[in-house]
Amino acid sequence: MRKASRNERFIGPAAELAEMGRPVSGLLAAVEALLKFDVQEDPEAVELQSKLAAVKGGSVELPAVVTELTGIESSHPLFEDLQATFKRALA
């Protein structure tokens, strides 16, 4: 999914900043807004909301979805903050 991928405008720069130990809160706020984007006419938004619904429903674990959507592995310095961002978006 392009909108939330490692090579897109939010995750990529956030990953680079996290690797340098720099703050990423502004970019993660944008990611949270992206995760809440729910427009039925947008196929990527529909797919994203479907994956998030699977997490809410318990059929998929959140860490797996974070990695699948963003390309960020659990060992990356951004992962914990990114996972927290997903949790806030799901609340």
N, C-alpha and C. Protein backbone atom coordinates (compact mmCIF):
# COMPACT_ATOMS: atom_id res chain seq x y z
N MET A 1 0.84 -1.17 0.00
CA MET A 1 0.00 0.00 0.00
C MET A 1 0.89 1.24 0.00
N ARG A 2 0.75 2.02 -1.01
CA ARG A 2 1.64 3.16 -1.23
C ARG A 2 1.50 4.25 -0.18
N LYS A 3 0.30 4.58 0.25
CA LYS A 3 0.08 5.72 1.14
C LYS A 3 0.90 5.66 2.42
N ALA A 4 1.11 4.48 2.95
CA ALA A 4 1.80 4.35 4.24
C ALA A 4 3.14 3.63 4.11
N SER A 5 3.67 3.55 2.91
CA SER A 5 4.89 2.75 2.72
C SER A 5 6.16 3.49 3.14
N ARG A 6 7.20 2.75 3.31
CA ARG A 6 8.50 3.26 3.73
C ARG A 6 9.04 4.31 2.75
N ASN A 7 8.68 4.19 1.50
CA ASN A 7 9.21 5.11 0.48
C ASN A 7 8.31 6.31 0.22
N GLU A 8 7.27 6.47 1.01
CA GLU A 8 6.35 7.59 0.80
C GLU A 8 6.73 8.77 1.69
N ARG A 9 5.98 9.83 1.59
CA ARG A 9 6.36 11.13 2.18
C ARG A 9 6.35 11.22 3.69
N PHE A 10 5.70 10.32 4.40
CA PHE A 10 5.67 10.41 5.86
C PHE A 10 6.58 9.38 6.53
N ILE A 11 6.42 8.13 6.16
CA ILE A 11 7.17 7.06 6.82
C ILE A 11 8.66 7.15 6.52
N GLY A 12 9.02 7.39 5.27
CA GLY A 12 10.43 7.47 4.90
C GLY A 12 11.19 8.52 5.69
N PRO A 13 10.73 9.78 5.68
CA PRO A 13 11.42 10.80 6.47
C PRO A 13 11.40 10.51 7.98
N ALA A 14 10.29 9.97 8.48
CA ALA A 14 10.22 9.64 9.91
C ALA A 14 11.25 8.56 10.25
N ALA A 15 11.39 7.57 9.38
CA ALA A 15 12.37 6.51 9.61
C ALA A 15 13.79 7.08 9.64
N GLU A 16 14.08 7.96 8.69
CA GLU A 16 15.42 8.57 8.65
C GLU A 16 15.69 9.40 9.90
N LEU A 17 14.70 10.18 10.33
CA LEU A 17 14.88 10.99 11.54
C LEU A 17 15.07 10.10 12.77
N ALA A 18 14.27 9.04 12.87
CA ALA A 18 14.39 8.12 14.01
C ALA A 18 15.77 7.48 14.04
N GLU A 19 16.29 7.14 12.87
CA GLU A 19 17.63 6.55 12.80
C GLU A 19 18.70 7.52 13.29
N MET A 20 18.44 8.82 13.16
CA MET A 20 19.38 9.84 13.63
C MET A 20 19.08 10.28 15.06
N GLY A 21 18.05 9.69 15.68
CA GLY A 21 17.69 10.05 17.04
C GLY A 21 16.96 11.38 17.13
N ARG A 22 16.38 11.82 16.04
CA ARG A 22 15.68 13.11 16.00
C ARG A 22 14.18 12.91 16.26
N PRO A 23 13.48 13.96 16.69
CA PRO A 23 12.04 13.86 16.95
C PRO A 23 11.23 13.59 15.68
N VAL A 24 10.19 12.82 15.84
CA VAL A 24 9.34 12.45 14.70
C VAL A 24 7.86 12.74 14.96
N SER A 25 7.55 13.45 16.02
CA SER A 25 6.15 13.62 16.43
C SER A 25 5.29 14.29 15.36
N GLY A 26 5.81 15.28 14.67
CA GLY A 26 5.02 15.94 13.62
C GLY A 26 4.66 15.00 12.49
N LEU A 27 5.62 14.21 12.06
CA LEU A 27 5.35 13.25 10.99
C LEU A 27 4.40 12.16 11.45
N LEU A 28 4.53 11.74 12.71
CA LEU A 28 3.63 10.70 13.21
C LEU A 28 2.20 11.23 13.37
N ALA A 29 2.05 12.51 13.64
CA ALA A 29 0.70 13.10 13.67
C ALA A 29 0.07 13.02 12.28
N ALA A 30 0.88 13.25 11.25
CA ALA A 30 0.39 13.12 9.88
C ALA A 30 0.05 11.67 9.56
N VAL A 31 0.85 10.73 10.04
CA VAL A 31 0.58 9.31 9.83
C VAL A 31 -0.74 8.93 10.50
N GLU A 32 -0.96 9.44 11.71
CA GLU A 32 -2.22 9.14 12.40
C GLU A 32 -3.41 9.63 11.58
N ALA A 33 -3.31 10.82 11.03
CA ALA A 33 -4.39 11.34 10.18
C ALA A 33 -4.57 10.46 8.95
N LEU A 34 -3.47 10.03 8.36
CA LEU A 34 -3.52 9.14 7.19
C LEU A 34 -4.26 7.85 7.54
N LEU A 35 -3.99 7.31 8.72
CA LEU A 35 -4.62 6.06 9.13
C LEU A 35 -6.12 6.20 9.34
N LYS A 36 -6.58 7.41 9.59
CA LYS A 36 -8.00 7.66 9.80
C LYS A 36 -8.73 8.01 8.50
N PHE A 37 -7.99 8.12 7.41
CA PHE A 37 -8.58 8.48 6.12
C PHE A 37 -9.49 7.35 5.66
N ASP A 38 -10.76 7.64 5.51
CA ASP A 38 -11.75 6.60 5.18
C ASP A 38 -12.71 7.13 4.12
N VAL A 39 -12.32 6.99 2.88
CA VAL A 39 -13.14 7.44 1.75
C VAL A 39 -13.38 6.23 0.86
N GLN A 40 -14.63 5.85 0.74
CA GLN A 40 -14.98 4.64 0.00
C GLN A 40 -14.58 4.69 -1.48
N GLU A 41 -14.43 5.87 -2.04
CA GLU A 41 -14.05 5.99 -3.45
C GLU A 41 -12.55 5.79 -3.67
N ASP A 42 -11.79 5.71 -2.60
CA ASP A 42 -10.33 5.55 -2.70
C ASP A 42 -9.98 4.10 -2.37
N PRO A 43 -9.57 3.30 -3.37
CA PRO A 43 -9.28 1.88 -3.13
C PRO A 43 -8.22 1.64 -2.06
N GLU A 44 -7.20 2.49 -2.00
CA GLU A 44 -6.17 2.31 -0.97
C GLU A 44 -6.73 2.59 0.42
N ALA A 45 -7.60 3.58 0.54
CA ALA A 45 -8.22 3.88 1.83
C ALA A 45 -9.09 2.71 2.27
N VAL A 46 -9.81 2.12 1.34
CA VAL A 46 -10.66 0.97 1.66
C VAL A 46 -9.80 -0.20 2.13
N GLU A 47 -8.70 -0.45 1.44
CA GLU A 47 -7.79 -1.54 1.83
C GLU A 47 -7.19 -1.27 3.21
N LEU A 48 -6.77 -0.03 3.45
CA LEU A 48 -6.20 0.34 4.74
C LEU A 48 -7.21 0.12 5.85
N GLN A 49 -8.43 0.60 5.67
CA GLN A 49 -9.45 0.45 6.71
C GLN A 49 -9.79 -1.02 6.94
N SER A 50 -9.73 -1.83 5.90
CA SER A 50 -9.97 -3.26 6.04
C SER A 50 -8.90 -3.91 6.91
N LYS A 51 -7.65 -3.53 6.70
CA LYS A 51 -6.55 -4.09 7.50
C LYS A 51 -6.66 -3.63 8.95
N LEU A 52 -7.02 -2.37 9.16
CA LEU A 52 -7.17 -1.87 10.53
C LEU A 52 -8.36 -2.54 11.22
N ALA A 53 -9.42 -2.80 10.48
CA ALA A 53 -10.58 -3.51 11.05
C ALA A 53 -10.19 -4.92 11.47
N ALA A 54 -9.31 -5.55 10.71
CA ALA A 54 -8.85 -6.90 11.06
C ALA A 54 -8.08 -6.87 12.38
N VAL A 55 -7.32 -5.81 12.60
CA VAL A 55 -6.61 -5.66 13.87
C VAL A 55 -7.62 -5.47 14.99
N LYS A 56 -8.58 -4.58 14.79
CA LYS A 56 -9.62 -4.34 15.80
C LYS A 56 -10.38 -5.62 16.12
N GLY A 57 -10.65 -6.40 15.10
CA GLY A 57 -11.40 -7.64 15.28
C GLY A 57 -10.59 -8.77 15.87
N GLY A 58 -9.28 -8.58 15.97
CA GLY A 58 -8.43 -9.58 16.59
C GLY A 58 -7.95 -10.68 15.66
N SER A 59 -8.26 -10.58 14.39
CA SER A 59 -7.83 -11.64 13.48
C SER A 59 -6.40 -11.45 12.98
N VAL A 60 -5.85 -10.26 13.21
CA VAL A 60 -4.48 -9.95 12.81
C VAL A 60 -3.82 -9.16 13.94
N GLU A 61 -2.56 -9.44 14.19
CA GLU A 61 -1.82 -8.73 15.24
C GLU A 61 -1.34 -7.38 14.72
N LEU A 62 -1.39 -6.37 15.58
CA LEU A 62 -0.98 -5.03 15.19
C LEU A 62 0.46 -4.95 14.68
N PRO A 63 1.44 -5.55 15.35
CA PRO A 63 2.81 -5.43 14.83
C PRO A 63 2.96 -5.93 13.39
N ALA A 64 2.25 -6.98 13.06
CA ALA A 64 2.33 -7.51 11.69
C ALA A 64 1.77 -6.52 10.68
N VAL A 65 0.68 -5.85 11.03
CA VAL A 65 0.08 -4.87 10.13
C VAL A 65 0.96 -3.63 10.01
N VAL A 66 1.55 -3.20 11.11
CA VAL A 66 2.46 -2.05 11.06
C VAL A 66 3.59 -2.33 10.07
N THR A 67 4.20 -3.50 10.20
CA THR A 67 5.30 -3.85 9.30
C THR A 67 4.81 -4.03 7.87
N GLU A 68 3.69 -4.69 7.69
CA GLU A 68 3.16 -4.91 6.34
C GLU A 68 2.88 -3.58 5.63
N LEU A 69 2.24 -2.65 6.32
CA LEU A 69 1.86 -1.40 5.69
C LEU A 69 3.01 -0.43 5.50
N THR A 70 3.93 -0.41 6.45
CA THR A 70 4.97 0.62 6.43
C THR A 70 6.33 0.12 5.98
N GLY A 71 6.57 -1.18 6.07
CA GLY A 71 7.89 -1.71 5.76
C GLY A 71 8.88 -1.53 6.89
N ILE A 72 8.42 -1.04 8.03
CA ILE A 72 9.29 -0.83 9.19
C ILE A 72 9.26 -2.08 10.06
N GLU A 73 10.42 -2.67 10.28
CA GLU A 73 10.53 -3.89 11.10
C GLU A 73 10.54 -3.52 12.59
N SER A 74 10.23 -4.50 13.42
CA SER A 74 10.14 -4.26 14.87
C SER A 74 11.47 -3.84 15.49
N SER A 75 12.58 -4.11 14.84
CA SER A 75 13.89 -3.73 15.37
C SER A 75 14.27 -2.29 15.03
N HIS A 76 13.49 -1.64 14.19
CA HIS A 76 13.81 -0.26 13.76
C HIS A 76 13.49 0.73 14.89
N PRO A 77 14.28 1.79 15.04
CA PRO A 77 14.02 2.76 16.11
C PRO A 77 12.68 3.49 16.01
N LEU A 78 12.04 3.48 14.86
CA LEU A 78 10.74 4.12 14.70
C LEU A 78 9.59 3.22 15.10
N PHE A 79 9.82 1.92 15.17
CA PHE A 79 8.72 0.97 15.26
C PHE A 79 7.80 1.20 16.46
N GLU A 80 8.34 1.37 17.64
CA GLU A 80 7.49 1.52 18.84
C GLU A 80 6.60 2.75 18.74
N ASP A 81 7.18 3.87 18.31
CA ASP A 81 6.37 5.09 18.14
C ASP A 81 5.33 4.91 17.04
N LEU A 82 5.70 4.22 16.01
CA LEU A 82 4.77 3.96 14.91
C LEU A 82 3.62 3.06 15.37
N GLN A 83 3.95 2.05 16.13
CA GLN A 83 2.91 1.16 16.67
C GLN A 83 1.97 1.94 17.59
N ALA A 84 2.51 2.84 18.41
CA ALA A 84 1.68 3.67 19.28
C ALA A 84 0.76 4.57 18.45
N THR A 85 1.26 5.05 17.33
CA THR A 85 0.46 5.88 16.43
C THR A 85 -0.70 5.07 15.86
N PHE A 86 -0.44 3.84 15.46
CA PHE A 86 -1.50 2.96 14.96
C PHE A 86 -2.53 2.73 16.06
N LYS A 87 -2.09 2.51 17.29
CA LYS A 87 -3.03 2.27 18.40
C LYS A 87 -3.93 3.47 18.61
N ARG A 88 -3.36 4.67 18.56
CA ARG A 88 -4.18 5.88 18.72
C ARG A 88 -5.20 5.99 17.59
N ALA A 89 -4.79 5.67 16.39
CA ALA A 89 -5.71 5.75 15.25
C ALA A 89 -6.84 4.73 15.37
N LEU A 90 -6.56 3.62 16.01
CA LEU A 90 -7.57 2.57 16.18
C LEU A 90 -8.52 2.84 17.33
N ALA A 91 -8.15 3.75 18.22
CA ALA A 91 -8.97 4.01 19.42
C ALA A 91 -10.28 4.70 19.08
